[in-house]
Structures are given as structure tokens and as C-alpha cells.
Amino acid sequence: MRRATTNDLPKIVDFIYERFSNLEHFNFLTEHIDTSEDLLKKFIQAEIALFLKYGEVQIYGNPITGVISSIPSKEFTLLRQFIASLSTRKILKEIPKADQKQLLKQNKRIAEIHYAKPWHKKYSKNSYYVAQIAVAKEAKGTGIMRKMLTPIMEDCQKKGVDIVLETMTEANIPIYEHFGFELAELHHSPNVPYDEYCFIKRAR
């Protein structure tokens, strides 16, 4: 495993798109949008670029079989999220008006479960945010997730820092519980066809 650089960005974007593009929350976001592949890749690129600059992105394997992006929660400030949103606005301007309207409509619905306020501040004053974990389908069960998470868990344990993460995939619940994460909150909305599960792993 090694720390990614901006040179790795195109390969990371392709990997994450291939891994997640068929998931329900991606399909919901780009529902009825013809240019969904190009659009999703641009959004992924904007997000990964943010973590490359202010946080950390680790990749496993060559070719890539695992990616994990993370950042100290105190570094994931509203200002930096606003900076990231500027890239999103630029992306929106590049797509047809009808697609813009549809995308904003779906994103507003997703915000009902995801963009409220930092939920983890209620549970931890000092936390480390794991934004994304992706493992290639063919590499599941080979221990890659453990290899990616272990250095973070050990470092946070040593520093007395809690780890927080979210998932919109119900099947991931037992996986994170296996690594010692506790389900802290469940975010639900009747306007969104899936839920957001919020986890915390406390430094003991």
C-alpha cells in the first residue's frame, strides 16, 4: 500500500467508478441523465482531488485493487468543503440545463440523509474521518480492507482519536462491526430509496 499522488488520479477515478457506478445511490443521483458516466467520473475526480490536497488517499495493488481516502475531521472544514463545491458548480455548468435541474433535484433529496450537519461531533471531539473505502470485487475476502484500515486504526488508537465513517450500503454493516465500529446513527428519508449508516470506532 502506498500514498497516492495527483499522477494516480485518473486510475483512481476509473477504479472507483467501476466499483461503485452500479450501486443504488449512484443510480439514484444520476437518474434520467444520459451523460451519467462522464458526470459521475467528474464528481469522483473532484472529491478525490480534495482528499489528495487536504487529507490522504492510499492505494493498494498494481493495478489498483483497493483505495481508501481519509482526513482528520478538524481538517475537513466548511471552507474546504466550499472549495470542493466550486468544482461541483463548474461541473454542473458543463451539462445541459435539463440534466442540471434533475441532478440538483436528486442531490437535494440525498441531502436529507447525508448533508445535515457533522453528526459525529455529537459523539466525538477528536475524530478521523474515513470518507471512502473501495475494494475490487475480485479481491473481496483477500484481506485488503484489513490491510488498508489497520494502519489508520493503529495510528488513531495510539493518538486517542476516534474514527468515523458512513456507508449507504446495508451489506457493509457487519463488515464494519467486525472491525470494531459501532452503528451510531441511521439517517432515513421517505424521499430516498436507501439509508445512510453512520459508524464510530472509539479509541480505547
Foldseek 3Di string as FASTA:
>chain_A
DDWDAPVCLVLVLVQCCVQPCPDPLLCLLQPPPPCSSVLSSLLSSLVVVLQNVQNTWDFDDVVTFKIWGKHWPVSCDPVSVVVSVVSVVVSLVVDDPVSSVSNVVSVVLVCQAPVDPPPCVVPDPTAMETEDITGHPVCPPVCPVVVVCVVVLVVCLVVQHKYKYKDQDPVCVVVVVVVQWDFDDWGDDPSGPTIMTMIMHGRD
